Amino acid sequence: MLFGSEPKAILANSLAELAMDADGLRRTLSFIPDPGSTVFRGMREYGPATSSA
């Protein structure tokens, strides 16, 4: 599991794979809200003060 304040911090790590998520890209471009969704496959966004177990 990798953490970073922005995608480029995560993608700079050799363990991260740069792959687009077609559903995430579609939601982003159509302005359909989906909390936590990103355009990168396998990457999720967490809000402030959110925990992940």
C-alpha atoms as a PDB file:
ATOM      1  CA  MET A   1       0.000   0.000   0.000  1.00  0.00           C
ATOM      2  CA  LEU A   2       1.386   3.389  -1.002  1.00  0.00           C
ATOM      3  CA  PHE A   3       0.361   6.794   0.292  1.00  0.00           C
ATOM      4  CA  GLY A   4       0.957  10.257  -1.143  1.00  0.00           C
ATOM      5  CA  SER A   5      -0.599  13.696  -1.091  1.00  0.00           C
ATOM      6  CA  GLU A   6      -1.010  13.662  -4.871  1.00  0.00           C
ATOM      7  CA  PRO A   7      -0.880  11.035  -7.649  1.00  0.00           C
ATOM      8  CA  LYS A   8       2.582  12.012  -8.888  1.00  0.00           C
ATOM      9  CA  ALA A   9       4.042  11.172  -5.463  1.00  0.00           C
ATOM     10  CA  ILE A  10       2.608   7.652  -5.671  1.00  0.00           C
ATOM     11  CA  LEU A  11       3.479   7.157  -9.343  1.00  0.00           C
ATOM     12  CA  ALA A  12       7.108   8.141  -8.641  1.00  0.00           C
ATOM     13  CA  ASN A  13       7.488   4.869  -6.705  1.00  0.00           C
ATOM     14  CA  SER A  14       8.636   1.860  -8.740  1.00  0.00           C
ATOM     15  CA  LEU A  15       5.907  -0.286  -7.118  1.00  0.00           C
ATOM     16  CA  ALA A  16       3.150   1.862  -8.649  1.00  0.00           C
ATOM     17  CA  GLU A  17       1.791   1.052 -12.102  1.00  0.00           C
ATOM     18  CA  LEU A  18       0.489   3.842 -14.328  1.00  0.00           C
ATOM     19  CA  ALA A  19      -2.780   2.585 -15.812  1.00  0.00           C
ATOM     20  CA  MET A  20      -5.948   4.495 -16.597  1.00  0.00           C
ATOM     21  CA  ASP A  21      -9.297   3.451 -15.139  1.00  0.00           C
ATOM     22  CA  ALA A  22     -11.870   3.879 -17.924  1.00  0.00           C
ATOM     23  CA  ASP A  23     -14.805   4.125 -15.478  1.00  0.00           C
ATOM     24  CA  GLY A  24     -13.001   6.689 -13.336  1.00  0.00           C
ATOM     25  CA  LEU A  25     -12.134   8.737 -16.407  1.00  0.00           C
ATOM     26  CA  ARG A  26     -15.740   8.587 -17.624  1.00  0.00           C
ATOM     27  CA  ARG A  27     -17.066   9.735 -14.245  1.00  0.00           C
ATOM     28  CA  THR A  28     -14.554  12.568 -14.065  1.00  0.00           C
ATOM     29  CA  LEU A  29     -15.288  13.848 -17.566  1.00  0.00           C
ATOM     30  CA  SER A  30     -19.065  13.598 -17.118  1.00  0.00           C
ATOM     31  CA  PHE A  31     -19.007  15.257 -13.663  1.00  0.00           C
ATOM     32  CA  ILE A  32     -20.732  12.275 -12.027  1.00  0.00           C
ATOM     33  CA  PRO A  33     -19.723  12.389  -8.353  1.00  0.00           C
ATOM     34  CA  ASP A  34     -18.080   9.263  -6.986  1.00  0.00           C
ATOM     35  CA  PRO A  35     -16.196   9.980  -3.759  1.00  0.00           C
ATOM     36  CA  GLY A  36     -12.772   8.397  -3.758  1.00  0.00           C
ATOM     37  CA  SER A  37     -12.719   7.571  -7.463  1.00  0.00           C
ATOM     38  CA  THR A  38      -9.700   8.564  -9.576  1.00  0.00           C
ATOM     39  CA  VAL A  39      -8.691   8.188 -13.217  1.00  0.00           C
ATOM     40  CA  PHE A  40      -5.862   5.822 -12.192  1.00  0.00           C
ATOM     41  CA  ARG A  41      -6.517   2.087 -11.844  1.00  0.00           C
ATOM     42  CA  GLY A  42      -6.023   0.829  -8.296  1.00  0.00           C
ATOM     43  CA  MET A  43      -5.764   4.316  -6.794  1.00  0.00           C
ATOM     44  CA  ARG A  44      -8.356   5.728  -4.387  1.00  0.00           C
ATOM     45  CA  GLU A  45      -8.685   9.207  -2.927  1.00  0.00           C
ATOM     46  CA  TYR A  46      -9.300   9.656   0.796  1.00  0.00           C
ATOM     47  CA  GLY A  47     -10.663  12.830   2.340  1.00  0.00           C
ATOM     48  CA  PRO A  48      -9.181  14.652   5.334  1.00  0.00           C
ATOM     49  CA  ALA A  49      -9.292  12.750   8.636  1.00  0.00           C
ATOM     50  CA  THR A  50     -10.276   9.503   6.882  1.00  0.00           C
ATOM     51  CA  SER A  51      -8.891   6.168   8.034  1.00  0.00           C
ATOM     52  CA  SER A  52      -8.272   3.079   5.945  1.00  0.00           C
ATOM     53  CA  ALA A  53      -8.264  -0.344   7.543  1.00  0.00           C
END
